[in-house]
């Protein structure tokens, strides 16, 4: 089950950030319990499996080293 959180939540499996899609393995009891709790409290919304994953923002390139001869 894919969920996106509407606000950041601290859970047993770690800190889950708002707006990032997370994949929960419903065969694992701990992940199932967390996913069900988040949905019951209206903190997360389910994402259809067909939805493309959000593109991650690239890190800016490091500035080149200054030329010591200049």
C-alpha atoms as a PDB file:
ATOM      1  CA  UNK A   1       0.000   0.000   0.000  1.00  0.00           C
ATOM      2  CA  UNK A   2       1.366   3.408  -0.959  1.00  0.00           C
ATOM      3  CA  UNK A   3       0.574   6.311   1.337  1.00  0.00           C
ATOM      4  CA  UNK A   4       1.393  10.006   1.343  1.00  0.00           C
ATOM      5  CA  UNK A   5       1.277  11.835   4.641  1.00  0.00           C
ATOM      6  CA  UNK A   6      -0.502  15.146   5.102  1.00  0.00           C
ATOM      7  CA  UNK A   7       1.842  16.039   7.963  1.00  0.00           C
ATOM      8  CA  UNK A   8       5.130  14.703   9.338  1.00  0.00           C
ATOM      9  CA  UNK A   9       4.722  11.855  11.811  1.00  0.00           C
ATOM     10  CA  UNK A  10       7.105  10.059  14.155  1.00  0.00           C
ATOM     11  CA  UNK A  11       6.357   6.330  14.082  1.00  0.00           C
ATOM     12  CA  UNK A  12       7.897   3.094  15.327  1.00  0.00           C
ATOM     13  CA  UNK A  13       9.646   2.648  11.982  1.00  0.00           C
ATOM     14  CA  UNK A  14      11.055   6.180  11.933  1.00  0.00           C
ATOM     15  CA  UNK A  15      10.187   9.741  10.989  1.00  0.00           C
ATOM     16  CA  UNK A  16       7.847   9.889   8.000  1.00  0.00           C
ATOM     17  CA  UNK A  17       7.890  13.192   6.112  1.00  0.00           C
ATOM     18  CA  UNK A  18       4.866  15.057   4.759  1.00  0.00           C
ATOM     19  CA  UNK A  19       4.286  14.817   1.007  1.00  0.00           C
ATOM     20  CA  UNK A  20       6.634  11.883   0.352  1.00  0.00           C
ATOM     21  CA  UNK A  21       5.065   8.634  -0.908  1.00  0.00           C
ATOM     22  CA  UNK A  22       5.861   5.617   1.280  1.00  0.00           C
ATOM     23  CA  UNK A  23       5.378   1.950   0.402  1.00  0.00           C
ATOM     24  CA  UNK A  24       3.998  -0.153   3.267  1.00  0.00           C
ATOM     25  CA  UNK A  25       4.325  -3.946   3.128  1.00  0.00           C
ATOM     26  CA  UNK A  26       0.958  -5.136   4.387  1.00  0.00           C
ATOM     27  CA  UNK A  27       2.320  -8.649   5.045  1.00  0.00           C
ATOM     28  CA  UNK A  28       4.460  -7.265   7.881  1.00  0.00           C
ATOM     29  CA  UNK A  29       2.383  -6.734  11.053  1.00  0.00           C
ATOM     30  CA  UNK A  30       4.298  -3.636  12.235  1.00  0.00           C
ATOM     31  CA  UNK A  31       3.967  -1.834   8.899  1.00  0.00           C
ATOM     32  CA  UNK A  32       0.312  -2.848   8.576  1.00  0.00           C
ATOM     33  CA  UNK A  33      -0.493  -1.463  12.037  1.00  0.00           C
ATOM     34  CA  UNK A  34       1.238   1.857  11.294  1.00  0.00           C
ATOM     35  CA  UNK A  35      -0.465   2.240   7.905  1.00  0.00           C
ATOM     36  CA  UNK A  36      -3.893   1.490   9.367  1.00  0.00           C
ATOM     37  CA  UNK A  37      -3.305   3.917  12.251  1.00  0.00           C
ATOM     38  CA  UNK A  38      -2.217   6.725   9.916  1.00  0.00           C
ATOM     39  CA  UNK A  39      -5.263   6.239   7.713  1.00  0.00           C
ATOM     40  CA  UNK A  40      -7.647   5.992  10.687  1.00  0.00           C
ATOM     41  CA  UNK A  41      -6.367   9.331  12.005  1.00  0.00           C
ATOM     42  CA  UNK A  42      -6.690  10.940   8.534  1.00  0.00           C
ATOM     43  CA  UNK A  43      -2.971  11.734   8.488  1.00  0.00           C
ATOM     44  CA  UNK A  44      -2.278   9.755   5.295  1.00  0.00           C
ATOM     45  CA  UNK A  45      -3.978   9.256   1.958  1.00  0.00           C
ATOM     46  CA  UNK A  46      -3.625   6.213  -0.249  1.00  0.00           C
ATOM     47  CA  UNK A  47      -1.914   6.614  -3.619  1.00  0.00           C
ATOM     48  CA  UNK A  48      -2.955   4.400  -6.531  1.00  0.00           C
ATOM     49  CA  UNK A  49      -0.216   2.046  -7.708  1.00  0.00           C
ATOM     50  CA  UNK A  50      -0.418   3.557 -11.205  1.00  0.00           C
ATOM     51  CA  UNK A  51       0.645   6.992  -9.950  1.00  0.00           C
ATOM     52  CA  UNK A  52       4.234   7.856 -10.886  1.00  0.00           C
ATOM     53  CA  UNK A  53       6.658   8.363  -8.042  1.00  0.00           C
ATOM     54  CA  UNK A  54       7.540  11.961  -7.285  1.00  0.00           C
ATOM     55  CA  UNK A  55      10.815  13.069  -8.821  1.00  0.00           C
ATOM     56  CA  UNK A  56      13.510  13.816  -6.307  1.00  0.00           C
ATOM     57  CA  UNK A  57      15.120  17.207  -6.464  1.00  0.00           C
ATOM     58  CA  UNK A  58      18.752  17.010  -7.545  1.00  0.00           C
ATOM     59  CA  UNK A  59      21.453  18.343  -5.289  1.00  0.00           C
ATOM     60  CA  UNK A  60      23.198  21.449  -6.643  1.00  0.00           C
ATOM     61  CA  UNK A  61      26.631  20.875  -8.125  1.00  0.00           C
ATOM     62  CA  UNK A  62      29.576  21.920  -6.004  1.00  0.00           C
ATOM     63  CA  UNK A  63      31.391  25.062  -7.015  1.00  0.00           C
ATOM     64  CA  UNK A  64      34.683  24.391  -8.819  1.00  0.00           C
ATOM     65  CA  UNK A  65      37.883  24.903  -6.874  1.00  0.00           C
ATOM     66  CA  UNK A  66      39.398  28.344  -7.453  1.00  0.00           C
ATOM     67  CA  UNK A  67      42.358  28.470  -9.792  1.00  0.00           C
ATOM     68  CA  UNK A  68      45.475  29.025  -7.622  1.00  0.00           C
ATOM     69  CA  UNK A  69      47.314  30.615 -10.574  1.00  0.00           C
ATOM     70  CA  UNK A  70      44.793  33.408 -10.891  1.00  0.00           C
END
